[in-house]
Amino acid sequence: MKAAMQTARFFIGQVVRHRFFPFRGVIFDVDPQFGNTEEWYQSIPEEVRPRKDQPFYHLFAENAETEYVAYVSEQNLLPDDTDTPVRHPQVNEMFDGPIDGAYRIKGAHRH
């Protein structure tokens, strides 16, 4: 029997941080369940390897040294409430903000 899909806890434009590793980022896409390669999945150390049957998030991520794109399971993310803008260069190409602690997709207006 296939497990029911979870509803994503986080949203596109939200600033999040990793539960264990020192990086944070802006969500720019969500997969309802694992959508990367098996090779990528197996490269994660088994003791911290997340379940596949949960949402996975694509982040414009940054740590102290660099900016990059990360792919992170929901169980390993927490909201980032520092109100510090994310410096990843692609953030400004896709989003406006931060506005009230989150980013808004360019051209999308809330009514």
Protein backbone atom coordinates (compact mmCIF):
# COMPACT_ATOMS: atom_id res chain seq x y z
CA MET A 1 0.00 0.00 0.00
CA LYS A 2 1.34 3.42 -0.94
CA ALA A 3 1.61 5.95 1.86
CA ALA A 4 -0.59 9.02 1.63
CA MET A 5 1.32 12.12 0.63
CA GLN A 6 2.04 14.62 3.36
CA THR A 7 1.05 18.22 2.96
CA ALA A 8 4.12 20.42 2.80
CA ARG A 9 4.73 22.21 6.09
CA PHE A 10 6.81 24.99 4.51
CA PHE A 11 6.03 27.26 1.55
CA ILE A 12 7.81 28.71 -1.47
CA GLY A 13 9.51 31.94 -0.43
CA GLN A 14 9.87 30.89 3.21
CA VAL A 15 13.27 31.26 4.89
CA VAL A 16 14.31 28.04 6.62
CA ARG A 17 17.39 26.60 8.27
CA HIS A 18 18.75 23.08 8.49
CA ARG A 19 18.10 21.23 11.74
CA PHE A 20 21.66 19.82 11.98
CA PHE A 21 23.93 21.67 9.56
CA PRO A 22 24.84 25.38 9.64
CA PHE A 23 23.01 26.62 6.57
CA ARG A 24 19.81 28.45 5.73
CA GLY A 25 17.97 29.39 2.58
CA VAL A 26 14.83 30.35 0.69
CA ILE A 27 12.52 27.61 -0.61
CA PHE A 28 12.04 27.89 -4.38
CA ASP A 29 10.43 24.52 -5.17
CA VAL A 30 8.80 21.60 -3.35
CA ASP A 31 8.64 17.92 -4.29
CA PRO A 32 5.74 16.10 -2.57
CA GLN A 33 8.14 13.22 -1.96
CA PHE A 34 11.77 12.42 -2.74
CA GLY A 35 12.57 13.29 -6.35
CA ASN A 36 16.35 13.16 -6.60
CA THR A 37 18.60 10.32 -7.78
CA GLU A 38 19.18 7.11 -5.86
CA GLU A 39 22.91 7.88 -6.06
CA TRP A 40 22.32 11.20 -4.28
CA TYR A 41 20.17 9.48 -1.66
CA GLN A 42 22.74 6.76 -0.98
CA SER A 43 25.46 9.40 -0.55
CA ILE A 44 23.74 10.59 2.65
CA PRO A 45 25.19 8.85 5.72
CA GLU A 46 22.71 6.18 6.79
CA GLU A 47 22.34 7.48 10.34
CA VAL A 48 21.03 10.83 9.06
CA ARG A 49 19.36 9.64 5.83
CA PRO A 50 15.77 10.95 5.75
CA ARG A 51 12.65 9.02 4.75
CA LYS A 52 11.66 9.38 1.09
CA ASP A 53 7.91 9.62 1.76
CA GLN A 54 7.87 13.25 2.84
CA PRO A 55 8.14 16.62 1.10
CA PHE A 56 11.62 17.64 -0.08
CA TYR A 57 12.53 21.28 -0.63
CA HIS A 58 14.82 23.01 -3.12
CA LEU A 59 16.59 25.92 -1.42
CA PHE A 60 18.68 28.84 -2.53
CA ALA A 61 21.02 28.12 0.37
CA GLU A 62 23.97 29.76 2.07
CA ASN A 63 26.42 29.02 4.81
CA ALA A 64 29.25 31.12 6.22
CA GLU A 65 31.47 30.46 3.18
CA THR A 66 29.31 30.17 0.08
CA GLU A 67 25.94 30.10 -1.67
CA TYR A 68 24.55 27.00 -3.40
CA VAL A 69 21.36 25.05 -4.13
CA ALA A 70 20.34 22.49 -1.51
CA TYR A 71 17.78 19.67 -1.52
CA VAL A 72 16.47 19.00 1.98
CA SER A 73 13.83 16.76 3.55
CA GLU A 74 11.06 18.36 5.56
CA GLN A 75 12.16 16.54 8.73
CA ASN A 76 15.52 18.36 8.56
CA LEU A 77 14.17 21.91 8.20
CA LEU A 78 13.11 24.50 10.74
CA PRO A 79 11.70 28.00 10.15
CA ASP A 80 14.40 30.69 10.21
CA ASP A 81 13.13 33.68 12.15
CA THR A 82 16.30 35.78 12.19
CA ASP A 83 14.81 38.27 9.68
CA THR A 84 18.22 38.39 8.00
CA PRO A 85 18.01 38.57 4.17
CA VAL A 86 19.41 35.57 2.31
CA ARG A 87 22.38 36.67 0.19
CA HIS A 88 22.17 33.92 -2.49
CA PRO A 89 22.36 35.77 -5.86
CA GLN A 90 19.42 33.90 -7.43
CA VAL A 91 17.01 34.99 -4.69
CA ASN A 92 16.64 38.47 -6.22
CA GLU A 93 16.12 36.99 -9.70
CA MET A 94 13.06 35.01 -8.57
CA PHE A 95 11.72 36.82 -5.51
CA ASP A 96 10.90 40.21 -4.06
CA GLY A 97 11.57 40.80 -0.39
CA PRO A 98 12.00 39.82 2.26
CA ILE A 99 8.54 41.10 3.21
CA ASP A 100 7.40 40.20 6.73
CA GLY A 101 10.20 37.64 6.98
CA ALA A 102 9.43 35.79 3.72
CA TYR A 103 10.05 36.25 0.00
CA ARG A 104 7.36 36.72 -2.63
CA ILE A 105 7.66 35.37 -6.18
CA LYS A 106 8.24 38.30 -8.54
CA GLY A 107 5.00 39.36 -10.21
CA ALA A 108 2.81 37.53 -7.70
CA HIS A 109 0.63 39.95 -5.79
CA ARG A 110 -1.38 38.94 -2.78
CA HIS A 111 -4.95 40.25 -2.72
